[in-house]
Amino acid sequence: MPRGDKSSYTDKQKRQAEHIEEGYEHRGVGSKEAERRAWATINKETGGGKKSGSGRGVRTTNVSSKRGGKIGGKASASRPAAAKSRSAKKAAASRKRHAMKRSAARKTTRKTLRKK
């Protein structure tokens, strides 16, 4: 069987690859690269080409598909650097603020425990 031959894949796997490919193209990835990534995703999730049938092989996982929908690809690339930097600074400030609240709560808890 020559490399790139998709005959050993099930119809379901072919449909999934097509859907994944469309998603990549929608996010601005070129068609050849989108196709390559789609089949790589199918191989990772299902272990490559499989024959259909009940009870064959190992169970599949869809970890790779769960990554879709996160900000990334075209959406992230179209944001200006200042916006990315601004959101990073905002996130860092939030983390610092929450850490201060947590440490203050710990201090008050320790003080009340000492008094008892």
Protein backbone atom coordinates (compact mmCIF):
# COMPACT_ATOMS: atom_id res chain seq x y z
CA MET A 1 0.00 0.00 0.00
CA PRO A 2 1.62 3.33 -1.02
CA ARG A 3 2.15 6.10 1.51
CA GLY A 4 -0.82 8.43 1.73
CA ASP A 5 -3.30 5.71 0.77
CA LYS A 6 -6.46 6.20 2.82
CA SER A 7 -8.18 2.92 1.91
CA SER A 8 -7.57 1.36 5.32
CA TYR A 9 -9.42 4.16 7.11
CA THR A 10 -13.08 3.76 7.97
CA ASP A 11 -15.74 6.06 6.53
CA LYS A 12 -16.15 7.61 9.96
CA GLN A 13 -12.44 8.42 10.14
CA LYS A 14 -12.57 9.98 6.68
CA ARG A 15 -15.55 12.13 7.70
CA GLN A 16 -13.78 13.19 10.88
CA ALA A 17 -10.64 14.14 8.96
CA GLU A 18 -12.69 16.22 6.51
CA HIS A 19 -14.39 18.04 9.38
CA ILE A 20 -11.09 18.72 11.16
CA GLU A 21 -9.55 19.94 7.91
CA GLU A 22 -12.40 22.41 7.39
CA GLY A 23 -11.84 23.72 10.91
CA TYR A 24 -8.16 24.35 10.24
CA GLU A 25 -8.92 26.08 6.94
CA HIS A 26 -11.50 28.25 8.68
CA ARG A 27 -8.75 29.37 11.07
CA GLY A 28 -6.50 30.40 8.19
CA VAL A 29 -4.26 27.34 7.70
CA GLY A 30 -3.40 26.45 4.10
CA SER A 31 -5.29 23.56 2.49
CA LYS A 32 -2.33 21.13 2.25
CA GLU A 33 -1.22 21.88 5.80
CA ALA A 34 -4.81 21.57 7.04
CA GLU A 35 -5.12 18.16 5.40
CA ARG A 36 -1.82 17.01 6.91
CA ARG A 37 -2.83 18.16 10.38
CA ALA A 38 -6.28 16.59 10.06
CA TRP A 39 -4.89 13.15 9.24
CA ALA A 40 -2.26 13.51 11.98
CA THR A 41 -5.08 14.21 14.43
CA ILE A 42 -7.03 11.16 13.26
CA ASN A 43 -3.92 9.00 13.58
CA LYS A 44 -3.33 10.28 17.11
CA GLU A 45 -6.93 9.80 18.20
CA THR A 46 -7.69 6.44 16.61
CA GLY A 47 -4.29 4.88 16.10
CA GLY A 48 -4.34 5.08 12.31
CA GLY A 49 -6.36 3.21 9.73
CA LYS A 50 -8.75 0.67 11.16
CA LYS A 51 -11.24 -1.81 9.83
CA SER A 52 -14.75 -1.26 11.09
CA GLY A 53 -16.39 -3.83 13.32
CA SER A 54 -17.50 -4.34 16.87
CA GLY A 55 -14.80 -4.91 19.45
CA ARG A 56 -11.81 -4.29 17.21
CA GLY A 57 -8.74 -2.61 18.57
CA VAL A 58 -8.45 -0.27 21.51
CA ARG A 59 -10.81 2.48 22.57
CA THR A 60 -10.31 5.86 20.94
CA THR A 61 -9.64 9.15 22.67
CA ASN A 62 -10.66 12.63 21.60
CA VAL A 63 -8.13 14.67 23.56
CA SER A 64 -6.87 16.40 20.41
CA SER A 65 -10.38 17.50 19.43
CA LYS A 66 -10.94 19.12 22.80
CA ARG A 67 -8.32 21.73 21.94
CA GLY A 68 -10.60 23.28 19.33
CA GLY A 69 -12.41 26.47 20.22
CA LYS A 70 -9.63 27.91 22.35
CA ILE A 71 -8.31 31.28 21.28
CA GLY A 72 -5.59 30.54 18.82
CA GLY A 73 -4.81 30.30 15.16
CA LYS A 74 -6.22 33.18 13.17
CA ALA A 75 -7.99 34.83 16.11
CA SER A 76 -4.81 35.12 18.15
CA ALA A 77 -2.67 36.10 15.17
CA SER A 78 -4.99 38.96 14.26
CA ARG A 79 -4.70 40.55 17.71
CA PRO A 80 -2.15 43.36 17.86
CA ALA A 81 0.88 42.90 20.10
CA ALA A 82 -0.36 45.65 22.43
CA ALA A 83 -3.63 43.82 23.02
CA LYS A 84 -1.80 40.58 23.79
CA SER A 85 0.54 42.41 26.15
CA ARG A 86 -2.37 44.23 27.81
CA SER A 87 -4.26 41.00 28.48
CA ALA A 88 -1.09 39.37 29.84
CA LYS A 89 -0.57 42.28 32.23
CA LYS A 90 -4.20 42.13 33.31
CA ALA A 91 -3.92 38.38 33.99
CA ALA A 92 -0.73 38.87 35.99
CA ALA A 93 -2.38 41.59 38.08
CA SER A 94 -5.36 39.32 38.77
CA ARG A 95 -3.06 36.49 39.86
CA LYS A 96 -1.19 38.85 42.16
CA ARG A 97 -4.41 40.24 43.63
CA HIS A 98 -5.81 36.77 44.29
CA ALA A 99 -2.52 35.64 45.84
CA MET A 100 -2.60 38.62 48.20
CA LYS A 101 -6.16 37.74 49.24
CA ARG A 102 -5.16 34.13 49.87
CA SER A 103 -2.11 35.08 51.94
CA ALA A 104 -4.17 37.57 53.98
CA ALA A 105 -6.74 34.88 54.67
CA ARG A 106 -4.02 32.47 55.79
CA LYS A 107 -2.55 35.07 58.14
CA THR A 108 -5.90 35.73 59.81
CA THR A 109 -6.52 32.00 60.13
CA ARG A 110 -3.13 31.49 61.77
CA LYS A 111 -3.76 34.36 64.21
CA THR A 112 -7.12 32.92 65.28
CA LEU A 113 -5.59 29.46 65.73
CA ARG A 114 -2.81 30.87 67.95
CA LYS A 115 -5.30 32.69 70.19
CA LYS A 116 -7.17 29.46 70.92
